[in-house]
PDB file of N, CA and C in Angstrom:
ATOM      1  N   UNK A   1      79.207  51.532 103.738  1.00  0.00           N
ATOM      2  CA  UNK A   1      79.731  52.762 104.303  1.00  0.00           C
ATOM      3  C   UNK A   1      80.197  53.661 103.159  1.00  0.00           C
ATOM      4  N   UNK A   2      79.753  54.915 103.197  1.00  0.00           N
ATOM      5  CA  UNK A   2      80.137  55.861 102.153  1.00  0.00           C
ATOM      6  C   UNK A   2      81.446  56.530 102.517  1.00  0.00           C
ATOM      7  N   UNK A   3      82.282  56.663 101.506  1.00  0.00           N
ATOM      8  CA  UNK A   3      83.534  57.370 101.742  1.00  0.00           C
ATOM      9  C   UNK A   3      83.344  58.833 101.385  1.00  0.00           C
ATOM     10  N   UNK A   4      84.029  59.654 102.092  1.00  0.00           N
ATOM     11  CA  UNK A   4      83.920  61.094 101.882  1.00  0.00           C
ATOM     12  C   UNK A   4      84.904  61.529 100.804  1.00  0.00           C
ATOM     13  N   UNK A   5      84.440  62.346  99.867  1.00  0.00           N
ATOM     14  CA  UNK A   5      85.311  62.863  98.824  1.00  0.00           C
ATOM     15  C   UNK A   5      86.253  63.897  99.422  1.00  0.00           C
ATOM     16  N   UNK A   6      87.515  63.817  99.050  1.00  0.00           N
ATOM     17  CA  UNK A   6      88.431  64.853  99.549  1.00  0.00           C
ATOM     18  C   UNK A   6      88.110  66.194  98.895  1.00  0.00           C
ATOM     19  N   UNK A   7      88.119  67.237  99.685  1.00  0.00           N
ATOM     20  CA  UNK A   7      87.833  68.565  99.147  1.00  0.00           C
ATOM     21  C   UNK A   7      89.105  69.134  98.530  1.00  0.00           C
ATOM     22  N   UNK A   8      88.944  69.763  97.402  1.00  0.00           N
ATOM     23  CA  UNK A   8      90.078  70.393  96.745  1.00  0.00           C
ATOM     24  C   UNK A   8      90.271  71.782  97.319  1.00  0.00           C
ATOM     25  N   UNK A   9      91.440  72.042  97.787  1.00  0.00           N
ATOM     26  CA  UNK A   9      91.773  73.375  98.258  1.00  0.00           C
ATOM     27  C   UNK A   9      92.302  74.149  97.046  1.00  0.00           C
ATOM     28  N   UNK A  10      91.409  74.831  96.349  1.00  0.00           N
ATOM     29  CA  UNK A  10      91.806  75.494  95.119  1.00  0.00           C
ATOM     30  C   UNK A  10      92.642  76.733  95.410  1.00  0.00           C
ATOM     31  N   UNK A  11      93.664  76.873  94.633  1.00  0.00           N
ATOM     32  CA  UNK A  11      94.580  77.997  94.777  1.00  0.00           C
ATOM     33  C   UNK A  11      94.039  79.187  93.982  1.00  0.00           C
ATOM     34  N   UNK A  12      94.051  80.383  94.551  1.00  0.00           N
ATOM     35  CA  UNK A  12      93.590  81.566  93.816  1.00  0.00           C
ATOM     36  C   UNK A  12      94.498  81.838  92.609  1.00  0.00           C
ATOM     37  N   UNK A  13      93.948  82.483  91.591  1.00  0.00           N
ATOM     38  CA  UNK A  13      94.722  82.782  90.395  1.00  0.00           C
ATOM     39  C   UNK A  13      94.399  84.182  89.896  1.00  0.00           C
ATOM     40  N   UNK A  14      95.339  84.756  89.143  1.00  0.00           N
ATOM     41  CA  UNK A  14      95.175  86.084  88.563  1.00  0.00           C
ATOM     42  C   UNK A  14      94.581  85.968  87.167  1.00  0.00           C
ATOM     43  N   UNK A  15      93.645  86.856  86.855  1.00  0.00           N
ATOM     44  CA  UNK A  15      93.083  86.946  85.518  1.00  0.00           C
ATOM     45  C   UNK A  15      93.315  88.368  85.014  1.00  0.00           C
ATOM     46  N   UNK A  16      93.943  88.469  83.860  1.00  0.00           N
ATOM     47  CA  UNK A  16      94.310  89.770  83.320  1.00  0.00           C
ATOM     48  C   UNK A  16      93.156  90.381  82.535  1.00  0.00           C
ATOM     49  N   UNK A  17      92.922  91.671  82.748  1.00  0.00           N
ATOM     50  CA  UNK A  17      91.918  92.412  82.001  1.00  0.00           C
ATOM     51  C   UNK A  17      92.572  93.574  81.274  1.00  0.00           C
ATOM     52  N   UNK A  18      91.770  94.450  80.710  1.00  0.00           N
ATOM     53  CA  UNK A  18      92.316  95.583  79.947  1.00  0.00           C
ATOM     54  C   UNK A  18      93.092  96.542  80.852  1.00  0.00           C
ATOM     55  N   UNK A  19      92.442  97.056  81.891  1.00  0.00           N
ATOM     56  CA  UNK A  19      93.155  97.927  82.826  1.00  0.00           C
ATOM     57  C   UNK A  19      92.987  97.478  84.275  1.00  0.00           C
ATOM     58  N   UNK A  20      92.403  96.315  84.485  1.00  0.00           N
ATOM     59  CA  UNK A  20      92.306  95.731  85.828  1.00  0.00           C
ATOM     60  C   UNK A  20      92.717  94.272  85.778  1.00  0.00           C
ATOM     61  N   UNK A  21      93.204  93.792  86.896  1.00  0.00           N
ATOM     62  CA  UNK A  21      93.552  92.385  87.050  1.00  0.00           C
ATOM     63  C   UNK A  21      92.735  91.863  88.222  1.00  0.00           C
ATOM     64  N   UNK A  22      92.056  90.752  88.050  1.00  0.00           N
ATOM     65  CA  UNK A  22      91.232  90.177  89.107  1.00  0.00           C
ATOM     66  C   UNK A  22      91.911  88.970  89.729  1.00  0.00           C
ATOM     67  N   UNK A  23      91.740  88.796  91.016  1.00  0.00           N
ATOM     68  CA  UNK A  23      92.284  87.650  91.754  1.00  0.00           C
ATOM     69  C   UNK A  23      91.101  86.779  92.135  1.00  0.00           C
ATOM     70  N   UNK A  24      91.004  85.581  91.574  1.00  0.00           N
ATOM     71  CA  UNK A  24      89.842  84.718  91.703  1.00  0.00           C
ATOM     72  C   UNK A  24      90.173  83.452  92.480  1.00  0.00           C
ATOM     73  N   UNK A  25      89.207  82.999  93.265  1.00  0.00           N
ATOM     74  CA  UNK A  25      89.283  81.693  93.909  1.00  0.00           C
ATOM     75  C   UNK A  25      87.978  80.993  93.582  1.00  0.00           C
ATOM     76  N   UNK A  26      88.084  79.908  92.836  1.00  0.00           N
ATOM     77  CA  UNK A  26      86.930  79.218  92.252  1.00  0.00           C
ATOM     78  C   UNK A  26      86.202  80.218  91.370  1.00  0.00           C
ATOM     79  N   UNK A  27      84.960  80.552  91.670  1.00  0.00           N
ATOM     80  CA  UNK A  27      84.201  81.509  90.848  1.00  0.00           C
ATOM     81  C   UNK A  27      83.944  82.814  91.585  1.00  0.00           C
ATOM     82  N   UNK A  28      84.716  83.066  92.627  1.00  0.00           N
ATOM     83  CA  UNK A  28      84.523  84.266  93.435  1.00  0.00           C
ATOM     84  C   UNK A  28      85.738  85.188  93.305  1.00  0.00           C
ATOM     85  N   UNK A  29      85.466  86.448  93.014  1.00  0.00           N
ATOM     86  CA  UNK A  29      86.533  87.445  92.924  1.00  0.00           C
ATOM     87  C   UNK A  29      86.903  87.865  94.338  1.00  0.00           C
ATOM     88  N   UNK A  30      88.140  87.626  94.731  1.00  0.00           N
ATOM     89  CA  UNK A  30      88.565  87.930  96.096  1.00  0.00           C
ATOM     90  C   UNK A  30      89.466  89.156  96.181  1.00  0.00           C
ATOM     91  N   UNK A  31      89.895  89.688  95.033  1.00  0.00           N
ATOM     92  CA  UNK A  31      90.719  90.888  95.038  1.00  0.00           C
ATOM     93  C   UNK A  31      90.912  91.415  93.628  1.00  0.00           C
ATOM     94  N   UNK A  32      91.407  92.644  93.510  1.00  0.00           N
ATOM     95  CA  UNK A  32      91.664  93.227  92.200  1.00  0.00           C
ATOM     96  C   UNK A  32      92.732  94.305  92.291  1.00  0.00           C
ATOM     97  N   UNK A  33      93.326  94.585  91.116  1.00  0.00           N
ATOM     98  CA  UNK A  33      94.304  95.655  90.957  1.00  0.00           C
ATOM     99  C   UNK A  33      93.889  96.450  89.724  1.00  0.00           C
ATOM    100  N   UNK A  34      93.834  97.781  89.835  1.00  0.00           N
ATOM    101  CA  UNK A  34      93.418  98.622  88.714  1.00  0.00           C
ATOM    102  C   UNK A  34      94.455  99.717  88.474  1.00  0.00           C
ATOM    103  N   UNK A  35      94.661 100.040  87.208  1.00  0.00           N
ATOM    104  CA  UNK A  35      95.565 101.113  86.810  1.00  0.00           C
ATOM    105  C   UNK A  35      94.818 102.436  86.876  1.00  0.00           C
ATOM    106  N   UNK A  36      95.436 103.418  87.521  1.00  0.00           N
ATOM    107  CA  UNK A  36      94.826 104.739  87.656  1.00  0.00           C
ATOM    108  C   UNK A  36      95.815 105.782  87.156  1.00  0.00           C
ATOM    109  N   UNK A  37      95.373 106.644  86.260  1.00  0.00           N
ATOM    110  CA  UNK A  37      96.240 107.680  85.718  1.00  0.00           C
ATOM    111  C   UNK A  37      96.928 107.219  84.445  1.00  0.00           C
ATOM    112  N   UNK A  38      97.704 108.136  83.862  1.00  0.00           N
ATOM    113  CA  UNK A  38      98.412 107.828  82.616  1.00  0.00           C
ATOM    114  C   UNK A  38      99.822 108.386  82.664  1.00  0.00           C
ATOM    115  N   UNK A  39     100.688 107.805  81.867  1.00  0.00           N
ATOM    116  CA  UNK A  39     102.062 108.290  81.746  1.00  0.00           C
ATOM    117  C   UNK A  39     102.847 108.109  83.036  1.00  0.00           C
ATOM    118  N   UNK A  40     103.577 109.148  83.400  1.00  0.00           N
ATOM    119  CA  UNK A  40     104.437 109.081  84.587  1.00  0.00           C
ATOM    120  C   UNK A  40     103.650 109.168  85.893  1.00  0.00           C
ATOM    121  N   UNK A  41     102.391 109.599  85.835  1.00  0.00           N
ATOM    122  CA  UNK A  41     101.586 109.770  87.034  1.00  0.00           C
ATOM    123  C   UNK A  41     100.699 108.570  87.339  1.00  0.00           C
ATOM    124  N   UNK A  42     100.968 107.426  86.726  1.00  0.00           N
ATOM    125  CA  UNK A  42     100.074 106.288  86.952  1.00  0.00           C
ATOM    126  C   UNK A  42     100.397 105.589  88.269  1.00  0.00           C
ATOM    127  N   UNK A  43      99.367 105.076  88.902  1.00  0.00           N
ATOM    128  CA  UNK A  43      99.462 104.321  90.155  1.00  0.00           C
ATOM    129  C   UNK A  43      98.590 103.083  90.008  1.00  0.00           C
ATOM    130  N   UNK A  44      98.843 102.096  90.810  1.00  0.00           N
ATOM    131  CA  UNK A  44      98.018 100.892  90.825  1.00  0.00           C
ATOM    132  C   UNK A  44      97.243 100.849  92.136  1.00  0.00           C
ATOM    133  N   UNK A  45      95.923 100.892  92.034  1.00  0.00           N
ATOM    134  CA  UNK A  45      95.070 100.766  93.214  1.00  0.00           C
ATOM    135  C   UNK A  45      94.722  99.300  93.374  1.00  0.00           C
ATOM    136  N   UNK A  46      94.677  98.817  94.608  1.00  0.00           N
ATOM    137  CA  UNK A  46      94.338  97.425  94.857  1.00  0.00           C
ATOM    138  C   UNK A  46      93.338  97.313  95.993  1.00  0.00           C
ATOM    139  N   UNK A  47      92.575  96.229  95.986  1.00  0.00           N
ATOM    140  CA  UNK A  47      91.639  95.942  97.068  1.00  0.00           C
ATOM    141  C   UNK A  47      91.542  94.440  97.240  1.00  0.00           C
ATOM    142  N   UNK A  48      91.538  94.008  98.489  1.00  0.00           N
ATOM    143  CA  UNK A  48      91.383  92.598  98.825  1.00  0.00           C
ATOM    144  C   UNK A  48      90.654  92.521 100.159  1.00  0.00           C
ATOM    145  N   UNK A  49      89.504  91.867 100.167  1.00  0.00           N
ATOM    146  CA  UNK A  49      88.713  91.802 101.388  1.00  0.00           C
ATOM    147  C   UNK A  49      88.282  93.197 101.794  1.00  0.00           C
ATOM    148  N   UNK A  50      88.612  93.592 103.014  1.00  0.00           N
ATOM    149  CA  UNK A  50      88.237  94.922 103.489  1.00  0.00           C
ATOM    150  C   UNK A  50      89.428  95.877 103.527  1.00  0.00           C
ATOM    151  N   UNK A  51      90.494  95.548 102.829  1.00  0.00           N
ATOM    152  CA  UNK A  51      91.685  96.391 102.783  1.00  0.00           C
ATOM    153  C   UNK A  51      91.913  96.910 101.376  1.00  0.00           C
ATOM    154  N   UNK A  52      92.483  98.098 101.276  1.00  0.00           N
ATOM    155  CA  UNK A  52      92.775  98.705  99.979  1.00  0.00           C
ATOM    156  C   UNK A  52      94.042  99.543 100.103  1.00  0.00           C
ATOM    157  N   UNK A  53      94.652  99.844  98.962  1.00  0.00           N
ATOM    158  CA  UNK A  53      95.850 100.655  98.982  1.00  0.00           C
ATOM    159  C   UNK A  53      96.305 101.020  97.588  1.00  0.00           C
ATOM    160  N   UNK A  54      97.490 101.620  97.505  1.00  0.00           N
ATOM    161  CA  UNK A  54      98.096 102.023  96.241  1.00  0.00           C
ATOM    162  C   UNK A  54      99.525 101.524  96.199  1.00  0.00           C
ATOM    163  N   UNK A  55     100.016 101.307  94.985  1.00  0.00           N
ATOM    164  CA  UNK A  55     101.398 100.872  94.796  1.00  0.00           C
ATOM    165  C   UNK A  55     101.938 101.505  93.521  1.00  0.00           C
ATOM    166  N   UNK A  56     103.272 101.551  93.405  1.00  0.00           N
ATOM    167  CA  UNK A  56     103.904 102.136  92.227  1.00  0.00           C
ATOM    168  C   UNK A  56     103.958 101.161  91.058  1.00  0.00           C
ATOM    169  N   UNK A  57     104.090  99.856  91.337  1.00  0.00           N
ATOM    170  CA  UNK A  57     104.208  98.873  90.262  1.00  0.00           C
ATOM    171  C   UNK A  57     103.107  97.829  90.372  1.00  0.00           C
ATOM    172  N   UNK A  58     102.847  97.167  89.253  1.00  0.00           N
ATOM    173  CA  UNK A  58     101.842  96.112  89.216  1.00  0.00           C
ATOM    174  C   UNK A  58     102.253  94.935  90.099  1.00  0.00           C
ATOM    175  N   UNK A  59     103.517  94.551  90.044  1.00  0.00           N
ATOM    176  CA  UNK A  59     104.000  93.426  90.851  1.00  0.00           C
ATOM    177  C   UNK A  59     103.828  93.700  92.346  1.00  0.00           C
ATOM    178  N   UNK A  60     104.113  94.936  92.751  1.00  0.00           N
ATOM    179  CA  UNK A  60     103.977  95.331  94.148  1.00  0.00           C
ATOM    180  C   UNK A  60     102.508  95.283  94.595  1.00  0.00           C
ATOM    181  N   UNK A  61     101.612  95.748  93.732  1.00  0.00           N
ATOM    182  CA  UNK A  61     100.180  95.746  94.055  1.00  0.00           C
ATOM    183  C   UNK A  61      99.653  94.310  94.154  1.00  0.00           C
ATOM    184  N   UNK A  62     100.049  93.454  93.236  1.00  0.00           N
ATOM    185  CA  UNK A  62      99.625  92.050  93.280  1.00  0.00           C
ATOM    186  C   UNK A  62     100.138  91.366  94.545  1.00  0.00           C
ATOM    187  N   UNK A  63     101.374  91.666  94.906  1.00  0.00           N
ATOM    188  CA  UNK A  63     101.952  91.092  96.116  1.00  0.00           C
ATOM    189  C   UNK A  63     101.160  91.505  97.357  1.00  0.00           C
ATOM    190  N   UNK A  64     100.715  92.753  97.403  1.00  0.00           N
ATOM    191  CA  UNK A  64      99.928  93.233  98.542  1.00  0.00           C
ATOM    192  C   UNK A  64      98.571  92.535  98.621  1.00  0.00           C
ATOM    193  N   UNK A  65      97.933  92.302  97.470  1.00  0.00           N
ATOM    194  CA  UNK A  65      96.651  91.583  97.450  1.00  0.00           C
ATOM    195  C   UNK A  65      96.858  90.169  97.988  1.00  0.00           C
ATOM    196  N   UNK A  66      97.879  89.488  97.494  1.00  0.00           N
ATOM    197  CA  UNK A  66      98.151  88.122  97.934  1.00  0.00           C
ATOM    198  C   UNK A  66      98.481  88.071  99.418  1.00  0.00           C
ATOM    199  N   UNK A  67      99.291  89.016  99.884  1.00  0.00           N
ATOM    200  CA  UNK A  67      99.682  89.049 101.294  1.00  0.00           C
ATOM    201  C   UNK A  67      98.467  89.320 102.193  1.00  0.00           C
ATOM    202  N   UNK A  68      97.592  90.214 101.759  1.00  0.00           N
ATOM    203  CA  UNK A  68      96.397  90.534 102.538  1.00  0.00           C
ATOM    204  C   UNK A  68      95.499  89.310 102.677  1.00  0.00           C
ATOM    205  N   UNK A  69      95.312  88.588 101.585  1.00  0.00           N
ATOM    206  CA  UNK A  69      94.447  87.402 101.634  1.00  0.00           C
ATOM    207  C   UNK A  69      95.101  86.245 102.371  1.00  0.00           C
ATOM    208  N   UNK A  70      96.426  86.220 102.415  1.00  0.00           N
ATOM    209  CA  UNK A  70      97.133  85.201 103.183  1.00  0.00           C
ATOM    210  C   UNK A  70      96.783  85.287 104.660  1.00  0.00           C
ATOM    211  N   UNK A  71      96.622  86.487 105.154  1.00  0.00           N
ATOM    212  CA  UNK A  71      96.327  86.701 106.560  1.00  0.00           C
ATOM    213  C   UNK A  71      94.850  86.559 106.874  1.00  0.00           C
ATOM    214  N   UNK A  72      94.045  86.212 105.879  1.00  0.00           N
ATOM    215  CA  UNK A  72      92.639  85.902 106.121  1.00  0.00           C
ATOM    216  C   UNK A  72      91.704  87.092 106.149  1.00  0.00           C
ATOM    217  N   UNK A  73      92.054  88.179 105.496  1.00  0.00           N
ATOM    218  CA  UNK A  73      91.143  89.329 105.434  1.00  0.00           C
ATOM    219  C   UNK A  73      89.994  88.979 104.502  1.00  0.00           C
ATOM    220  N   UNK A  74      88.811  88.997 105.005  1.00  0.00           N
ATOM    221  CA  UNK A  74      87.631  88.670 104.200  1.00  0.00           C
ATOM    222  C   UNK A  74      86.601  89.783 104.376  1.00  0.00           C
ATOM    223  N   UNK A  75      85.864  90.019 103.328  1.00  0.00           N
ATOM    224  CA  UNK A  75      84.798  91.011 103.391  1.00  0.00           C
ATOM    225  C   UNK A  75      83.486  90.280 103.615  1.00  0.00           C
ATOM    226  N   UNK A  76      82.727  90.693 104.623  1.00  0.00           N
ATOM    227  CA  UNK A  76      81.432  90.080 104.881  1.00  0.00           C
ATOM    228  C   UNK A  76      80.451  90.478 103.794  1.00  0.00           C
ATOM    229  N   UNK A  77      79.599  89.561 103.438  1.00  0.00           N
ATOM    230  CA  UNK A  77      78.572  89.860 102.454  1.00  0.00           C
ATOM    231  C   UNK A  77      77.551  90.822 103.029  1.00  0.00           C
ATOM    232  N   UNK A  78      76.746  91.406 102.192  1.00  0.00           N
ATOM    233  CA  UNK A  78      75.776  92.402 102.610  1.00  0.00           C
ATOM    234  C   UNK A  78      74.763  91.832 103.595  1.00  0.00           C
ATOM    235  N   UNK A  79      74.341  90.594 103.368  1.00  0.00           N
ATOM    236  CA  UNK A  79      73.305  90.014 104.210  1.00  0.00           C
ATOM    237  C   UNK A  79      73.820  88.935 105.162  1.00  0.00           C
ATOM    238  N   UNK A  80      75.143  88.844 105.341  1.00  0.00           N
ATOM    239  CA  UNK A  80      75.692  87.892 106.309  1.00  0.00           C
ATOM    240  C   UNK A  80      75.406  88.386 107.716  1.00  0.00           C
ATOM    241  N   UNK A  81      75.129  87.454 108.597  1.00  0.00           N
ATOM    242  CA  UNK A  81      74.737  87.799 109.956  1.00  0.00           C
ATOM    243  C   UNK A  81      75.909  88.380 110.744  1.00  0.00           C
ATOM    244  N   UNK A  82      77.103  87.816 110.561  1.00  0.00           N
ATOM    245  CA  UNK A  82      78.245  88.293 111.343  1.00  0.00           C
ATOM    246  C   UNK A  82      77.972  87.983 112.814  1.00  0.00           C
ATOM    247  N   UNK A  83      77.899  89.019 113.634  1.00  0.00           N
ATOM    248  CA  UNK A  83      77.560  88.851 115.051  1.00  0.00           C
ATOM    249  C   UNK A  83      76.156  89.380 115.266  1.00  0.00           C
ATOM    250  N   UNK A  84      75.235  88.481 115.512  1.00  0.00           N
ATOM    251  CA  UNK A  84      73.861  88.898 115.799  1.00  0.00           C
ATOM    252  C   UNK A  84      73.767  89.286 117.263  1.00  0.00           C
ATOM    253  N   UNK A  85      73.458  90.496 117.524  1.00  0.00           N
ATOM    254  CA  UNK A  85      73.480  90.944 118.911  1.00  0.00           C
ATOM    255  C   UNK A  85      72.279  91.592 119.268  1.00  0.00           C
TER     256      UNK A  85
END
């Protein structure tokens, strides 16, 4: 009798870039935060799944990405069937 290997539930992690930060789970990018503007007029744009928004601070934008993915917001792939009707 073969035993089944336990699946690892990998935790998403942040990867820092020059002006963007990516949120990765395994080898798939599930969200990002980008700096827009310069000086006092800078904002952080974020996107996770099918949701997007803006925040004043990097910590706030990262929190929104994490919160959005916590609730299971996922973006369907281009060729995913979804609901075939």
